[in-house]
Amino acid sequence: MKKIKLKVMGMKCRGCENRIVNVLQNIEGVKKVKANYIKEEVKVILSDEINQEIIEKAINNLDYQVTKEK
C-alpha cells in the first residue's frame, strides 16, 4: 500500500470533493480517498500496483488540475 497527497486546483465545494472521491473509488486498487476543497488537496491510499499517473489523469479528466507541490 502507498499513500499519495496531491495538490488539486479547481475544487470549489463539497460537490467537487464528492465528484473526485466517487471517480477515484471506482478505480481498481484504490483503497481510500479523501478530498478537501479548502486545502486544495486529495489524499489517496492505493495498492502498490497502481501508478500515480492513473490517479492524476482521472482527476484531470474531471476538469480539475493536479499541480506539483513545490
PDB file of N, CA and C in Angstrom:
ATOM      1  N   MET A   1       0.846  -1.187   0.000  1.00  0.00           N
ATOM      2  CA  MET A   1       0.000   0.000   0.000  1.00  0.00           C
ATOM      3  C   MET A   1       0.882   1.238   0.000  1.00  0.00           C
ATOM      4  N   LYS A   2       0.401   2.259  -0.680  1.00  0.00           N
ATOM      5  CA  LYS A   2       1.107   3.538  -0.640  1.00  0.00           C
ATOM      6  C   LYS A   2       0.099   4.661  -0.499  1.00  0.00           C
ATOM      7  N   LYS A   3       0.581   5.746   0.076  1.00  0.00           N
ATOM      8  CA  LYS A   3      -0.248   6.928   0.287  1.00  0.00           C
ATOM      9  C   LYS A   3       0.306   8.051  -0.576  1.00  0.00           C
ATOM     10  N   ILE A   4      -0.605   8.758  -1.246  1.00  0.00           N
ATOM     11  CA  ILE A   4      -0.187   9.923  -2.015  1.00  0.00           C
ATOM     12  C   ILE A   4      -1.058  11.120  -1.627  1.00  0.00           C
ATOM     13  N   LYS A   5      -0.464  12.289  -1.710  1.00  0.00           N
ATOM     14  CA  LYS A   5      -1.199  13.530  -1.457  1.00  0.00           C
ATOM     15  C   LYS A   5      -0.968  14.428  -2.664  1.00  0.00           C
ATOM     16  N   LEU A   6      -2.065  14.859  -3.273  1.00  0.00           N
ATOM     17  CA  LEU A   6      -1.999  15.671  -4.483  1.00  0.00           C
ATOM     18  C   LEU A   6      -2.579  17.050  -4.245  1.00  0.00           C
ATOM     19  N   LYS A   7      -1.953  18.048  -4.807  1.00  0.00           N
ATOM     20  CA  LYS A   7      -2.486  19.414  -4.818  1.00  0.00           C
ATOM     21  C   LYS A   7      -3.402  19.502  -6.033  1.00  0.00           C
ATOM     22  N   VAL A   8      -4.680  19.835  -5.796  1.00  0.00           N
ATOM     23  CA  VAL A   8      -5.671  19.852  -6.877  1.00  0.00           C
ATOM     24  C   VAL A   8      -6.344  21.215  -6.928  1.00  0.00           C
ATOM     25  N   MET A   9      -6.216  21.882  -8.048  1.00  0.00           N
ATOM     26  CA  MET A   9      -6.823  23.195  -8.259  1.00  0.00           C
ATOM     27  C   MET A   9      -8.181  23.027  -8.932  1.00  0.00           C
ATOM     28  N   GLY A  10      -9.117  23.898  -8.577  1.00  0.00           N
ATOM     29  CA  GLY A  10     -10.403  23.921  -9.247  1.00  0.00           C
ATOM     30  C   GLY A  10     -11.568  23.414  -8.422  1.00  0.00           C
ATOM     31  N   MET A  11     -11.292  22.810  -7.257  1.00  0.00           N
ATOM     32  CA  MET A  11     -12.398  22.357  -6.405  1.00  0.00           C
ATOM     33  C   MET A  11     -12.982  23.580  -5.695  1.00  0.00           C
ATOM     34  N   LYS A  12     -14.310  23.719  -5.743  1.00  0.00           N
ATOM     35  CA  LYS A  12     -14.971  24.897  -5.177  1.00  0.00           C
ATOM     36  C   LYS A  12     -15.914  24.575  -4.018  1.00  0.00           C
ATOM     37  N   CYS A  13     -16.299  23.283  -3.870  1.00  0.00           N
ATOM     38  CA  CYS A  13     -17.321  22.939  -2.879  1.00  0.00           C
ATOM     39  C   CYS A  13     -17.264  21.452  -2.544  1.00  0.00           C
ATOM     40  N   ARG A  14     -18.146  21.039  -1.648  1.00  0.00           N
ATOM     41  CA  ARG A  14     -18.232  19.621  -1.272  1.00  0.00           C
ATOM     42  C   ARG A  14     -18.643  18.756  -2.469  1.00  0.00           C
ATOM     43  N   GLY A  15     -19.429  19.319  -3.359  1.00  0.00           N
ATOM     44  CA  GLY A  15     -19.819  18.578  -4.554  1.00  0.00           C
ATOM     45  C   GLY A  15     -18.608  18.210  -5.398  1.00  0.00           C
ATOM     46  N   CYS A  16     -17.650  19.120  -5.482  1.00  0.00           N
ATOM     47  CA  CYS A  16     -16.404  18.846  -6.208  1.00  0.00           C
ATOM     48  C   CYS A  16     -15.631  17.721  -5.521  1.00  0.00           C
ATOM     49  N   GLU A  17     -15.573  17.784  -4.197  1.00  0.00           N
ATOM     50  CA  GLU A  17     -14.904  16.727  -3.430  1.00  0.00           C
ATOM     51  C   GLU A  17     -15.555  15.381  -3.716  1.00  0.00           C
ATOM     52  N   ASN A  18     -16.874  15.331  -3.639  1.00  0.00           N
ATOM     53  CA  ASN A  18     -17.604  14.080  -3.857  1.00  0.00           C
ATOM     54  C   ASN A  18     -17.402  13.536  -5.259  1.00  0.00           C
ATOM     55  N   ARG A  19     -17.352  14.419  -6.221  1.00  0.00           N
ATOM     56  CA  ARG A  19     -17.159  14.003  -7.614  1.00  0.00           C
ATOM     57  C   ARG A  19     -15.813  13.291  -7.775  1.00  0.00           C
ATOM     58  N   ILE A  20     -14.770  13.873  -7.193  1.00  0.00           N
ATOM     59  CA  ILE A  20     -13.443  13.266  -7.271  1.00  0.00           C
ATOM     60  C   ILE A  20     -13.411  11.944  -6.519  1.00  0.00           C
ATOM     61  N   VAL A  21     -13.951  11.931  -5.308  1.00  0.00           N
ATOM     62  CA  VAL A  21     -13.959  10.717  -4.499  1.00  0.00           C
ATOM     63  C   VAL A  21     -14.691   9.590  -5.224  1.00  0.00           C
ATOM     64  N   ASN A  22     -15.852   9.877  -5.788  1.00  0.00           N
ATOM     65  CA  ASN A  22     -16.637   8.849  -6.479  1.00  0.00           C
ATOM     66  C   ASN A  22     -15.893   8.249  -7.659  1.00  0.00           C
ATOM     67  N   VAL A  23     -15.217   9.084  -8.432  1.00  0.00           N
ATOM     68  CA  VAL A  23     -14.489   8.584  -9.602  1.00  0.00           C
ATOM     69  C   VAL A  23     -13.278   7.755  -9.168  1.00  0.00           C
ATOM     70  N   LEU A  24     -12.517   8.261  -8.210  1.00  0.00           N
ATOM     71  CA  LEU A  24     -11.302   7.549  -7.802  1.00  0.00           C
ATOM     72  C   LEU A  24     -11.615   6.231  -7.099  1.00  0.00           C
ATOM     73  N   GLN A  25     -12.702   6.176  -6.339  1.00  0.00           N
ATOM     74  CA  GLN A  25     -13.053   4.939  -5.642  1.00  0.00           C
ATOM     75  C   GLN A  25     -13.423   3.821  -6.613  1.00  0.00           C
ATOM     76  N   ASN A  26     -13.774   4.167  -7.831  1.00  0.00           N
ATOM     77  CA  ASN A  26     -14.122   3.159  -8.825  1.00  0.00           C
ATOM     78  C   ASN A  26     -12.911   2.608  -9.571  1.00  0.00           C
ATOM     79  N   ILE A  27     -11.728   3.130  -9.273  1.00  0.00           N
ATOM     80  CA  ILE A  27     -10.510   2.620  -9.895  1.00  0.00           C
ATOM     81  C   ILE A  27     -10.026   1.416  -9.085  1.00  0.00           C
ATOM     82  N   GLU A  28      -9.798   0.314  -9.756  1.00  0.00           N
ATOM     83  CA  GLU A  28      -9.377  -0.903  -9.070  1.00  0.00           C
ATOM     84  C   GLU A  28      -8.043  -0.688  -8.365  1.00  0.00           C
ATOM     85  N   GLY A  29      -7.996  -1.035  -7.096  1.00  0.00           N
ATOM     86  CA  GLY A  29      -6.769  -0.883  -6.325  1.00  0.00           C
ATOM     87  C   GLY A  29      -6.760   0.330  -5.417  1.00  0.00           C
ATOM     88  N   VAL A  30      -7.709   1.251  -5.619  1.00  0.00           N
ATOM     89  CA  VAL A  30      -7.820   2.413  -4.739  1.00  0.00           C
ATOM     90  C   VAL A  30      -8.551   1.973  -3.482  1.00  0.00           C
ATOM     91  N   LYS A  31      -7.912   2.180  -2.340  1.00  0.00           N
ATOM     92  CA  LYS A  31      -8.477   1.717  -1.067  1.00  0.00           C
ATOM     93  C   LYS A  31      -9.267   2.801  -0.358  1.00  0.00           C
ATOM     94  N   LYS A  32      -8.765   4.031  -0.371  1.00  0.00           N
ATOM     95  CA  LYS A  32      -9.431   5.126   0.340  1.00  0.00           C
ATOM     96  C   LYS A  32      -9.080   6.445  -0.335  1.00  0.00           C
ATOM     97  N   VAL A  33     -10.082   7.345  -0.379  1.00  0.00           N
ATOM     98  CA  VAL A  33      -9.886   8.667  -0.970  1.00  0.00           C
ATOM     99  C   VAL A  33     -10.481   9.708  -0.035  1.00  0.00           C
ATOM    100  N   LYS A  34      -9.751  10.797   0.157  1.00  0.00           N
ATOM    101  CA  LYS A  34     -10.273  11.917   0.925  1.00  0.00           C
ATOM    102  C   LYS A  34      -9.903  13.196   0.178  1.00  0.00           C
ATOM    103  N   ALA A  35     -10.913  14.013  -0.121  1.00  0.00           N
ATOM    104  CA  ALA A  35     -10.689  15.271  -0.823  1.00  0.00           C
ATOM    105  C   ALA A  35     -11.071  16.432   0.087  1.00  0.00           C
ATOM    106  N   ASN A  36     -10.316  17.521  -0.012  1.00  0.00           N
ATOM    107  CA  ASN A  36     -10.586  18.707   0.786  1.00  0.00           C
ATOM    108  C   ASN A  36     -10.445  19.928  -0.122  1.00  0.00           C
ATOM    109  N   TYR A  37     -11.575  20.549  -0.460  1.00  0.00           N
ATOM    110  CA  TYR A  37     -11.531  21.687  -1.383  1.00  0.00           C
ATOM    111  C   TYR A  37     -10.907  22.921  -0.741  1.00  0.00           C
ATOM    112  N   ILE A  38     -11.031  23.067   0.566  1.00  0.00           N
ATOM    113  CA  ILE A  38     -10.452  24.237   1.244  1.00  0.00           C
ATOM    114  C   ILE A  38      -8.922  24.175   1.194  1.00  0.00           C
ATOM    115  N   LYS A  39      -8.369  23.002   1.453  1.00  0.00           N
ATOM    116  CA  LYS A  39      -6.909  22.820   1.411  1.00  0.00           C
ATOM    117  C   LYS A  39      -6.399  22.556   0.000  1.00  0.00           C
ATOM    118  N   GLU A  40      -7.316  22.363  -0.941  1.00  0.00           N
ATOM    119  CA  GLU A  40      -6.989  22.044  -2.332  1.00  0.00           C
ATOM    120  C   GLU A  40      -6.127  20.792  -2.414  1.00  0.00           C
ATOM    121  N   GLU A  41      -6.537  19.734  -1.684  1.00  0.00           N
ATOM    122  CA  GLU A  41      -5.753  18.515  -1.725  1.00  0.00           C
ATOM    123  C   GLU A  41      -6.630  17.274  -1.782  1.00  0.00           C
ATOM    124  N   VAL A  42      -6.049  16.231  -2.333  1.00  0.00           N
ATOM    125  CA  VAL A  42      -6.685  14.921  -2.394  1.00  0.00           C
ATOM    126  C   VAL A  42      -5.666  13.918  -1.871  1.00  0.00           C
ATOM    127  N   LYS A  43      -6.099  13.123  -0.884  1.00  0.00           N
ATOM    128  CA  LYS A  43      -5.251  12.071  -0.332  1.00  0.00           C
ATOM    129  C   LYS A  43      -5.813  10.734  -0.767  1.00  0.00           C
ATOM    130  N   VAL A  44      -4.919   9.854  -1.221  1.00  0.00           N
ATOM    131  CA  VAL A  44      -5.342   8.560  -1.735  1.00  0.00           C
ATOM    132  C   VAL A  44      -4.462   7.466  -1.136  1.00  0.00           C
ATOM    133  N   ILE A  45      -5.109   6.384  -0.697  1.00  0.00           N
ATOM    134  CA  ILE A  45      -4.394   5.179  -0.294  1.00  0.00           C
ATOM    135  C   ILE A  45      -4.690   4.138  -1.360  1.00  0.00           C
ATOM    136  N   LEU A  46      -3.622   3.564  -1.928  1.00  0.00           N
ATOM    137  CA  LEU A  46      -3.807   2.632  -3.033  1.00  0.00           C
ATOM    138  C   LEU A  46      -2.811   1.499  -2.976  1.00  0.00           C
ATOM    139  N   SER A  47      -3.089   0.462  -3.726  1.00  0.00           N
ATOM    140  CA  SER A  47      -2.184  -0.682  -3.780  1.00  0.00           C
ATOM    141  C   SER A  47      -0.935  -0.293  -4.566  1.00  0.00           C
ATOM    142  N   ASP A  48       0.124  -1.018  -4.313  1.00  0.00           N
ATOM    143  CA  ASP A  48       1.411  -0.695  -4.937  1.00  0.00           C
ATOM    144  C   ASP A  48       1.406  -0.880  -6.449  1.00  0.00           C
ATOM    145  N   GLU A  49       0.446  -1.643  -6.962  1.00  0.00           N
ATOM    146  CA  GLU A  49       0.421  -1.932  -8.395  1.00  0.00           C
ATOM    147  C   GLU A  49      -0.049  -0.738  -9.234  1.00  0.00           C
ATOM    148  N   ILE A  50      -0.714   0.217  -8.609  1.00  0.00           N
ATOM    149  CA  ILE A  50      -1.279   1.337  -9.360  1.00  0.00           C
ATOM    150  C   ILE A  50      -0.261   2.462  -9.485  1.00  0.00           C
ATOM    151  N   ASN A  51      -0.141   2.983 -10.688  1.00  0.00           N
ATOM    152  CA  ASN A  51       0.742   4.108 -10.946  1.00  0.00           C
ATOM    153  C   ASN A  51       0.010   5.399 -10.587  1.00  0.00           C
ATOM    154  N   GLN A  52       0.711   6.312  -9.952  1.00  0.00           N
ATOM    155  CA  GLN A  52       0.114   7.593  -9.542  1.00  0.00           C
ATOM    156  C   GLN A  52      -0.436   8.364 -10.728  1.00  0.00           C
ATOM    157  N   GLU A  53       0.148   8.177 -11.888  1.00  0.00           N
ATOM    158  CA  GLU A  53      -0.310   8.892 -13.084  1.00  0.00           C
ATOM    159  C   GLU A  53      -1.763   8.557 -13.427  1.00  0.00           C
ATOM    160  N   ILE A  54      -2.201   7.353 -13.118  1.00  0.00           N
ATOM    161  CA  ILE A  54      -3.589   6.960 -13.378  1.00  0.00           C
ATOM    162  C   ILE A  54      -4.535   7.820 -12.540  1.00  0.00           C
ATOM    163  N   ILE A  55      -4.170   8.049 -11.284  1.00  0.00           N
ATOM    164  CA  ILE A  55      -4.971   8.863 -10.387  1.00  0.00           C
ATOM    165  C   ILE A  55      -4.994  10.312 -10.878  1.00  0.00           C
ATOM    166  N   GLU A  56      -3.829  10.831 -11.222  1.00  0.00           N
ATOM    167  CA  GLU A  56      -3.742  12.210 -11.706  1.00  0.00           C
ATOM    168  C   GLU A  56      -4.553  12.409 -12.979  1.00  0.00           C
ATOM    169  N   LYS A  57      -4.464  11.459 -13.898  1.00  0.00           N
ATOM    170  CA  LYS A  57      -5.202  11.567 -15.157  1.00  0.00           C
ATOM    171  C   LYS A  57      -6.715  11.554 -14.911  1.00  0.00           C
ATOM    172  N   ALA A  58      -7.171  10.709 -13.981  1.00  0.00           N
ATOM    173  CA  ALA A  58      -8.602  10.644 -13.670  1.00  0.00           C
ATOM    174  C   ALA A  58      -9.102  11.975 -13.120  1.00  0.00           C
ATOM    175  N   ILE A  59      -8.307  12.614 -12.275  1.00  0.00           N
ATOM    176  CA  ILE A  59      -8.688  13.917 -11.717  1.00  0.00           C
ATOM    177  C   ILE A  59      -8.678  14.988 -12.814  1.00  0.00           C
ATOM    178  N   ASN A  60      -7.635  15.003 -13.627  1.00  0.00           N
ATOM    179  CA  ASN A  60      -7.550  15.983 -14.715  1.00  0.00           C
ATOM    180  C   ASN A  60      -8.694  15.814 -15.713  1.00  0.00           C
ATOM    181  N   ASN A  61      -9.147  14.591 -15.930  1.00  0.00           N
ATOM    182  CA  ASN A  61     -10.260  14.340 -16.851  1.00  0.00           C
ATOM    183  C   ASN A  61     -11.581  14.892 -16.332  1.00  0.00           C
ATOM    184  N   LEU A  62     -11.639  15.198 -15.038  1.00  0.00           N
ATOM    185  CA  LEU A  62     -12.837  15.811 -14.449  1.00  0.00           C
ATOM    186  C   LEU A  62     -12.782  17.339 -14.517  1.00  0.00           C
ATOM    187  N   ASP A  63     -11.808  17.865 -15.226  1.00  0.00           N
ATOM    188  CA  ASP A  63     -11.605  19.313 -15.387  1.00  0.00           C
ATOM    189  C   ASP A  63     -11.095  19.992 -14.122  1.00  0.00           C
ATOM    190  N   TYR A  64     -10.398  19.218 -13.270  1.00  0.00           N
ATOM    191  CA  TYR A  64      -9.629  19.797 -12.181  1.00  0.00           C
ATOM    192  C   TYR A  64      -8.172  19.675 -12.584  1.00  0.00           C
ATOM    193  N   GLN A  65      -7.293  20.363 -11.904  1.00  0.00           N
ATOM    194  CA  GLN A  65      -5.903  20.352 -12.305  1.00  0.00           C
ATOM    195  C   GLN A  65      -5.010  19.892 -11.145  1.00  0.00           C
ATOM    196  N   VAL A  66      -4.330  18.780 -11.365  1.00  0.00           N
ATOM    197  CA  VAL A  66      -3.350  18.313 -10.387  1.00  0.00           C
ATOM    198  C   VAL A  66      -2.077  19.105 -10.629  1.00  0.00           C
ATOM    199  N   THR A  67      -1.600  19.771  -9.583  1.00  0.00           N
ATOM    200  CA  THR A  67      -0.366  20.551  -9.695  1.00  0.00           C
ATOM    201  C   THR A  67       0.704  19.895  -8.830  1.00  0.00           C
ATOM    202  N   LYS A  68       1.927  20.170  -9.141  1.00  0.00           N
ATOM    203  CA  LYS A  68       3.033  19.599  -8.381  1.00  0.00           C
ATOM    204  C   LYS A  68       3.320  20.473  -7.173  1.00  0.00           C
ATOM    205  N   GLU A  69       3.513  19.836  -6.020  1.00  0.00           N
ATOM    206  CA  GLU A  69       3.869  20.569  -4.803  1.00  0.00           C
ATOM    207  C   GLU A  69       5.276  21.116  -4.960  1.00  0.00           C
ATOM    208  N   LYS A  70       5.496  22.296  -4.418  1.00  0.00           N
ATOM    209  CA  LYS A  70       6.831  22.899  -4.510  1.00  0.00           C
ATOM    210  C   LYS A  70       7.642  22.564  -3.301  1.00  0.00           C
TER     211      LYS A  70
END
